[in-house]
Amino acid sequence: MSEFRKFACPRCLGAGKVFECEKQVASKGSCCPSGTLHDNCPGQRISCHACNGTGLRGYGAPPLLQD
């Protein structure tokens, strides 16, 4: 395992962005399969929430503090 892979975010694999499409979630992956783009697909690449867009493991958004 390379040094980078040890620290890469498991959700985006170090890219810092993920492709999200509500139709893909609703259709259990049959719409907009990973790595493909369709003209009529409403999905988009957004900043990864798991690493806060850094691409690194452990850099997620801090938890919300409750008063």
PDB file of N, CA and C in Angstrom:
ATOM      1  N   MET A   1       0.854  -1.191   0.000  1.00  0.00           N
ATOM      2  CA  MET A   1       0.000   0.000   0.000  1.00  0.00           C
ATOM      3  C   MET A   1       0.889   1.241   0.000  1.00  0.00           C
ATOM      4  N   SER A   2       0.604   2.170  -0.906  1.00  0.00           N
ATOM      5  CA  SER A   2       1.404   3.388  -0.950  1.00  0.00           C
ATOM      6  C   SER A   2       1.107   4.254   0.273  1.00  0.00           C
ATOM      7  N   GLU A   3       2.026   5.148   0.558  1.00  0.00           N
ATOM      8  CA  GLU A   3       1.836   6.040   1.707  1.00  0.00           C
ATOM      9  C   GLU A   3       0.561   6.858   1.545  1.00  0.00           C
ATOM     10  N   PHE A   4       0.279   7.343   0.323  1.00  0.00           N
ATOM     11  CA  PHE A   4      -0.911   8.169   0.118  1.00  0.00           C
ATOM     12  C   PHE A   4      -2.181   7.380   0.396  1.00  0.00           C
ATOM     13  N   ARG A   5      -2.232   6.112  -0.078  1.00  0.00           N
ATOM     14  CA  ARG A   5      -3.441   5.312   0.088  1.00  0.00           C
ATOM     15  C   ARG A   5      -3.784   5.114   1.558  1.00  0.00           C
ATOM     16  N   LYS A   6      -2.782   5.093   2.421  1.00  0.00           N
ATOM     17  CA  LYS A   6      -3.033   4.931   3.850  1.00  0.00           C
ATOM     18  C   LYS A   6      -3.821   6.101   4.410  1.00  0.00           C
ATOM     19  N   PHE A   7      -3.597   7.282   3.850  1.00  0.00           N
ATOM     20  CA  PHE A   7      -4.220   8.490   4.371  1.00  0.00           C
ATOM     21  C   PHE A   7      -5.383   8.989   3.516  1.00  0.00           C
ATOM     22  N   ALA A   8      -5.646   8.344   2.386  1.00  0.00           N
ATOM     23  CA  ALA A   8      -6.727   8.785   1.499  1.00  0.00           C
ATOM     24  C   ALA A   8      -8.090   8.525   2.132  1.00  0.00           C
ATOM     25  N   CYS A   9      -9.000   9.433   1.902  1.00  0.00           N
ATOM     26  CA  CYS A   9     -10.378   9.301   2.401  1.00  0.00           C
ATOM     27  C   CYS A   9     -11.014   8.064   1.779  1.00  0.00           C
ATOM     28  N   PRO A  10     -11.651   7.210   2.587  1.00  0.00           N
ATOM     29  CA  PRO A  10     -12.256   5.997   2.029  1.00  0.00           C
ATOM     30  C   PRO A  10     -13.480   6.249   1.154  1.00  0.00           C
ATOM     31  N   ARG A  11     -14.119   7.404   1.293  1.00  0.00           N
ATOM     32  CA  ARG A  11     -15.322   7.671   0.491  1.00  0.00           C
ATOM     33  C   ARG A  11     -14.982   8.185  -0.905  1.00  0.00           C
ATOM     34  N   CYS A  12     -14.054   9.128  -1.005  1.00  0.00           N
ATOM     35  CA  CYS A  12     -13.729   9.705  -2.315  1.00  0.00           C
ATOM     36  C   CYS A  12     -12.396   9.193  -2.851  1.00  0.00           C
ATOM     37  N   LEU A  13     -11.724   8.342  -2.081  1.00  0.00           N
ATOM     38  CA  LEU A  13     -10.437   7.752  -2.473  1.00  0.00           C
ATOM     39  C   LEU A  13      -9.379   8.810  -2.775  1.00  0.00           C
ATOM     40  N   GLY A  14      -9.444   9.919  -2.035  1.00  0.00           N
ATOM     41  CA  GLY A  14      -8.429  10.962  -2.169  1.00  0.00           C
ATOM     42  C   GLY A  14      -8.752  12.050  -3.171  1.00  0.00           C
ATOM     43  N   ALA A  15      -9.871  11.932  -3.866  1.00  0.00           N
ATOM     44  CA  ALA A  15     -10.216  12.918  -4.895  1.00  0.00           C
ATOM     45  C   ALA A  15     -10.735  14.226  -4.299  1.00  0.00           C
ATOM     46  N   GLY A  16     -11.337  14.159  -3.114  1.00  0.00           N
ATOM     47  CA  GLY A  16     -11.894  15.362  -2.494  1.00  0.00           C
ATOM     48  C   GLY A  16     -13.286  15.703  -2.988  1.00  0.00           C
ATOM     49  N   LYS A  17     -13.732  15.025  -4.060  1.00  0.00           N
ATOM     50  CA  LYS A  17     -15.069  15.251  -4.597  1.00  0.00           C
ATOM     51  C   LYS A  17     -15.727  13.908  -4.862  1.00  0.00           C
ATOM     52  N   VAL A  18     -17.046  13.881  -4.776  1.00  0.00           N
ATOM     53  CA  VAL A  18     -17.813  12.681  -5.086  1.00  0.00           C
ATOM     54  C   VAL A  18     -18.936  13.049  -6.035  1.00  0.00           C
ATOM     55  N   PHE A  19     -19.393  12.059  -6.808  1.00  0.00           N
ATOM     56  CA  PHE A  19     -20.512  12.273  -7.719  1.00  0.00           C
ATOM     57  C   PHE A  19     -21.769  11.840  -7.001  1.00  0.00           C
ATOM     58  N   GLU A  20     -22.723  12.729  -6.880  1.00  0.00           N
ATOM     59  CA  GLU A  20     -23.971  12.401  -6.212  1.00  0.00           C
ATOM     60  C   GLU A  20     -25.141  12.696  -7.129  1.00  0.00           C
ATOM     61  N   CYS A  21     -26.059  11.749  -7.179  1.00  0.00           N
ATOM     62  CA  CYS A  21     -27.251  11.901  -8.006  1.00  0.00           C
ATOM     63  C   CYS A  21     -28.414  11.284  -7.251  1.00  0.00           C
ATOM     64  N   GLU A  22     -29.443  12.058  -6.980  1.00  0.00           N
ATOM     65  CA  GLU A  22     -30.604  11.544  -6.247  1.00  0.00           C
ATOM     66  C   GLU A  22     -31.263  10.394  -6.995  1.00  0.00           C
ATOM     67  N   LYS A  23     -31.268  10.461  -8.326  1.00  0.00           N
ATOM     68  CA  LYS A  23     -31.869   9.375  -9.113  1.00  0.00           C
ATOM     69  C   LYS A  23     -31.071   8.087  -8.937  1.00  0.00           C
ATOM     70  N   GLN A  24     -29.744   8.206  -8.848  1.00  0.00           N
ATOM     71  CA  GLN A  24     -28.920   7.018  -8.686  1.00  0.00           C
ATOM     72  C   GLN A  24     -29.237   6.335  -7.363  1.00  0.00           C
ATOM     73  N   VAL A  25     -29.412   7.128  -6.307  1.00  0.00           N
ATOM     74  CA  VAL A  25     -29.752   6.578  -4.999  1.00  0.00           C
ATOM     75  C   VAL A  25     -31.131   5.916  -5.054  1.00  0.00           C
ATOM     76  N   ALA A  26     -32.098   6.600  -5.673  1.00  0.00           N
ATOM     77  CA  ALA A  26     -33.463   6.081  -5.744  1.00  0.00           C
ATOM     78  C   ALA A  26     -33.556   4.820  -6.596  1.00  0.00           C
ATOM     79  N   SER A  27     -32.690   4.710  -7.618  1.00  0.00           N
ATOM     80  CA  SER A  27     -32.765   3.555  -8.511  1.00  0.00           C
ATOM     81  C   SER A  27     -31.752   2.474  -8.132  1.00  0.00           C
ATOM     82  N   LYS A  28     -31.162   2.614  -6.959  1.00  0.00           N
ATOM     83  CA  LYS A  28     -30.170   1.638  -6.464  1.00  0.00           C
ATOM     84  C   LYS A  28     -28.988   1.475  -7.425  1.00  0.00           C
ATOM     85  N   GLY A  29     -28.551   2.590  -8.033  1.00  0.00           N
ATOM     86  CA  GLY A  29     -27.353   2.581  -8.858  1.00  0.00           C
ATOM     87  C   GLY A  29     -27.545   2.358 -10.338  1.00  0.00           C
ATOM     88  N   SER A  30     -28.791   2.131 -10.795  1.00  0.00           N
ATOM     89  CA  SER A  30     -28.975   1.885 -12.227  1.00  0.00           C
ATOM     90  C   SER A  30     -28.920   3.181 -13.043  1.00  0.00           C
ATOM     91  N   CYS A  31     -29.195   4.310 -12.420  1.00  0.00           N
ATOM     92  CA  CYS A  31     -29.049   5.610 -13.095  1.00  0.00           C
ATOM     93  C   CYS A  31     -27.652   6.149 -12.815  1.00  0.00           C
ATOM     94  N   CYS A  32     -26.981   6.650 -13.820  1.00  0.00           N
ATOM     95  CA  CYS A  32     -25.670   7.289 -13.654  1.00  0.00           C
ATOM     96  C   CYS A  32     -24.677   6.395 -12.902  1.00  0.00           C
ATOM     97  N   PRO A  33     -24.380   5.207 -13.419  1.00  0.00           N
ATOM     98  CA  PRO A  33     -23.408   4.364 -12.717  1.00  0.00           C
ATOM     99  C   PRO A  33     -22.082   5.091 -12.548  1.00  0.00           C
ATOM    100  N   SER A  34     -21.332   4.717 -11.545  1.00  0.00           N
ATOM    101  CA  SER A  34     -20.059   5.369 -11.250  1.00  0.00           C
ATOM    102  C   SER A  34     -19.178   5.399 -12.492  1.00  0.00           C
ATOM    103  N   GLY A  35     -18.610   6.565 -12.775  1.00  0.00           N
ATOM    104  CA  GLY A  35     -17.706   6.710 -13.905  1.00  0.00           C
ATOM    105  C   GLY A  35     -18.382   7.050 -15.218  1.00  0.00           C
ATOM    106  N   THR A  36     -19.696   7.125 -15.255  1.00  0.00           N
ATOM    107  CA  THR A  36     -20.385   7.478 -16.491  1.00  0.00           C
ATOM    108  C   THR A  36     -21.182   8.755 -16.303  1.00  0.00           C
ATOM    109  N   LEU A  37     -21.352   9.472 -17.371  1.00  0.00           N
ATOM    110  CA  LEU A  37     -22.153  10.696 -17.339  1.00  0.00           C
ATOM    111  C   LEU A  37     -23.207  10.602 -18.435  1.00  0.00           C
ATOM    112  N   HIS A  38     -24.406  10.976 -18.117  1.00  0.00           N
ATOM    113  CA  HIS A  38     -25.497  10.988 -19.090  1.00  0.00           C
ATOM    114  C   HIS A  38     -25.992  12.423 -19.235  1.00  0.00           C
ATOM    115  N   ASP A  39     -26.381  12.798 -20.438  1.00  0.00           N
ATOM    116  CA  ASP A  39     -26.835  14.167 -20.701  1.00  0.00           C
ATOM    117  C   ASP A  39     -28.012  14.564 -19.817  1.00  0.00           C
ATOM    118  N   ASN A  40     -28.893  13.614 -19.548  1.00  0.00           N
ATOM    119  CA  ASN A  40     -30.094  13.956 -18.785  1.00  0.00           C
ATOM    120  C   ASN A  40     -29.936  13.661 -17.290  1.00  0.00           C
ATOM    121  N   CYS A  41     -28.737  13.377 -16.842  1.00  0.00           N
ATOM    122  CA  CYS A  41     -28.530  13.058 -15.430  1.00  0.00           C
ATOM    123  C   CYS A  41     -28.418  14.347 -14.622  1.00  0.00           C
ATOM    124  N   PRO A  42     -29.204  14.475 -13.544  1.00  0.00           N
ATOM    125  CA  PRO A  42     -29.173  15.690 -12.734  1.00  0.00           C
ATOM    126  C   PRO A  42     -28.046  15.688 -11.693  1.00  0.00           C
ATOM    127  N   GLY A  43     -27.248  14.628 -11.661  1.00  0.00           N
ATOM    128  CA  GLY A  43     -26.195  14.530 -10.649  1.00  0.00           C
ATOM    129  C   GLY A  43     -25.065  15.517 -10.893  1.00  0.00           C
ATOM    130  N   GLN A  44     -24.223  15.655  -9.903  1.00  0.00           N
ATOM    131  CA  GLN A  44     -23.087  16.571 -10.012  1.00  0.00           C
ATOM    132  C   GLN A  44     -21.969  16.141  -9.076  1.00  0.00           C
ATOM    133  N   ARG A  45     -20.759  16.594  -9.379  1.00  0.00           N
ATOM    134  CA  ARG A  45     -19.632  16.320  -8.489  1.00  0.00           C
ATOM    135  C   ARG A  45     -19.623  17.385  -7.408  1.00  0.00           C
ATOM    136  N   ILE A  46     -19.655  16.931  -6.162  1.00  0.00           N
ATOM    137  CA  ILE A  46     -19.680  17.862  -5.041  1.00  0.00           C
ATOM    138  C   ILE A  46     -18.547  17.536  -4.085  1.00  0.00           C
ATOM    139  N   SER A  47     -18.246  18.473  -3.227  1.00  0.00           N
ATOM    140  CA  SER A  47     -17.198  18.278  -2.234  1.00  0.00           C
ATOM    141  C   SER A  47     -17.565  17.103  -1.328  1.00  0.00           C
ATOM    142  N   CYS A  48     -16.606  16.237  -1.058  1.00  0.00           N
ATOM    143  CA  CYS A  48     -16.842  15.049  -0.233  1.00  0.00           C
ATOM    144  C   CYS A  48     -17.074  15.470   1.212  1.00  0.00           C
ATOM    145  N   HIS A  49     -18.195  15.006   1.787  1.00  0.00           N
ATOM    146  CA  HIS A  49     -18.518  15.362   3.169  1.00  0.00           C
ATOM    147  C   HIS A  49     -17.663  14.595   4.162  1.00  0.00           C
ATOM    148  N   ALA A  50     -17.213  13.400   3.790  1.00  0.00           N
ATOM    149  CA  ALA A  50     -16.455  12.559   4.722  1.00  0.00           C
ATOM    150  C   ALA A  50     -15.094  13.165   5.081  1.00  0.00           C
ATOM    151  N   CYS A  51     -14.494  13.902   4.138  1.00  0.00           N
ATOM    152  CA  CYS A  51     -13.169  14.486   4.403  1.00  0.00           C
ATOM    153  C   CYS A  51     -13.174  15.997   4.276  1.00  0.00           C
ATOM    154  N   ASN A  52     -14.348  16.586   4.135  1.00  0.00           N
ATOM    155  CA  ASN A  52     -14.490  18.032   3.993  1.00  0.00           C
ATOM    156  C   ASN A  52     -13.765  18.555   2.746  1.00  0.00           C
ATOM    157  N   GLY A  53     -13.715  17.719   1.701  1.00  0.00           N
ATOM    158  CA  GLY A  53     -13.107  18.132   0.438  1.00  0.00           C
ATOM    159  C   GLY A  53     -11.598  18.070   0.400  1.00  0.00           C
ATOM    160  N   THR A  54     -10.957  17.558   1.444  1.00  0.00           N
ATOM    161  CA  THR A  54      -9.495  17.508   1.469  1.00  0.00           C
ATOM    162  C   THR A  54      -8.940  16.267   0.786  1.00  0.00           C
ATOM    163  N   GLY A  55      -9.723  15.192   0.717  1.00  0.00           N
ATOM    164  CA  GLY A  55      -9.237  13.939   0.144  1.00  0.00           C
ATOM    165  C   GLY A  55      -8.463  13.100   1.138  1.00  0.00           C
ATOM    166  N   LEU A  56      -8.359  13.576   2.366  1.00  0.00           N
ATOM    167  CA  LEU A  56      -7.576  12.867   3.377  1.00  0.00           C
ATOM    168  C   LEU A  56      -8.449  12.295   4.480  1.00  0.00           C
ATOM    169  N   ARG A  57      -8.092  11.129   4.942  1.00  0.00           N
ATOM    170  CA  ARG A  57      -8.817  10.449   6.020  1.00  0.00           C
ATOM    171  C   ARG A  57      -8.756  11.288   7.294  1.00  0.00           C
ATOM    172  N   GLY A  58      -9.881  11.400   7.991  1.00  0.00           N
ATOM    173  CA  GLY A  58      -9.886  12.075   9.283  1.00  0.00           C
ATOM    174  C   GLY A  58     -10.069  13.585   9.240  1.00  0.00           C
ATOM    175  N   TYR A  59     -10.380  14.130   8.069  1.00  0.00           N
ATOM    176  CA  TYR A  59     -10.554  15.587   7.980  1.00  0.00           C
ATOM    177  C   TYR A  59     -12.014  15.969   7.772  1.00  0.00           C
ATOM    178  N   GLY A  60     -12.918  15.173   8.283  1.00  0.00           N
ATOM    179  CA  GLY A  60     -14.337  15.458   8.128  1.00  0.00           C
ATOM    180  C   GLY A  60     -14.743  16.714   8.884  1.00  0.00           C
ATOM    181  N   ALA A  61     -15.933  17.175   8.604  1.00  0.00           N
ATOM    182  CA  ALA A  61     -16.457  18.348   9.298  1.00  0.00           C
ATOM    183  C   ALA A  61     -16.611  18.039  10.786  1.00  0.00           C
ATOM    184  N   PRO A  62     -16.299  18.992  11.635  1.00  0.00           N
ATOM    185  CA  PRO A  62     -16.438  18.749  13.080  1.00  0.00           C
ATOM    186  C   PRO A  62     -17.886  18.538  13.442  1.00  0.00           C
ATOM    187  N   PRO A  63     -18.160  17.749  14.475  1.00  0.00           N
ATOM    188  CA  PRO A  63     -19.539  17.528  14.881  1.00  0.00           C
ATOM    189  C   PRO A  63     -20.178  18.823  15.386  1.00  0.00           C
ATOM    190  N   LEU A  64     -21.484  18.927  15.218  1.00  0.00           N
ATOM    191  CA  LEU A  64     -22.192  20.102  15.698  1.00  0.00           C
ATOM    192  C   LEU A  64     -22.271  20.050  17.209  1.00  0.00           C
ATOM    193  N   LEU A  65     -21.971  21.149  17.843  1.00  0.00           N
ATOM    194  CA  LEU A  65     -22.011  21.205  19.305  1.00  0.00           C
ATOM    195  C   LEU A  65     -23.440  21.513  19.745  1.00  0.00           C
ATOM    196  N   GLN A  66     -23.898  20.773  20.713  1.00  0.00           N
ATOM    197  CA  GLN A  66     -25.233  20.981  21.256  1.00  0.00           C
ATOM    198  C   GLN A  66     -25.110  21.746  22.574  1.00  0.00           C
ATOM    199  N   ASP A  67     -25.911  22.787  22.730  1.00  0.00           N
ATOM    200  CA  ASP A  67     -25.895  23.548  23.997  1.00  0.00           C
ATOM    201  C   ASP A  67     -26.855  22.946  25.001  1.00  0.00           C
TER     202      ASP A  67
END
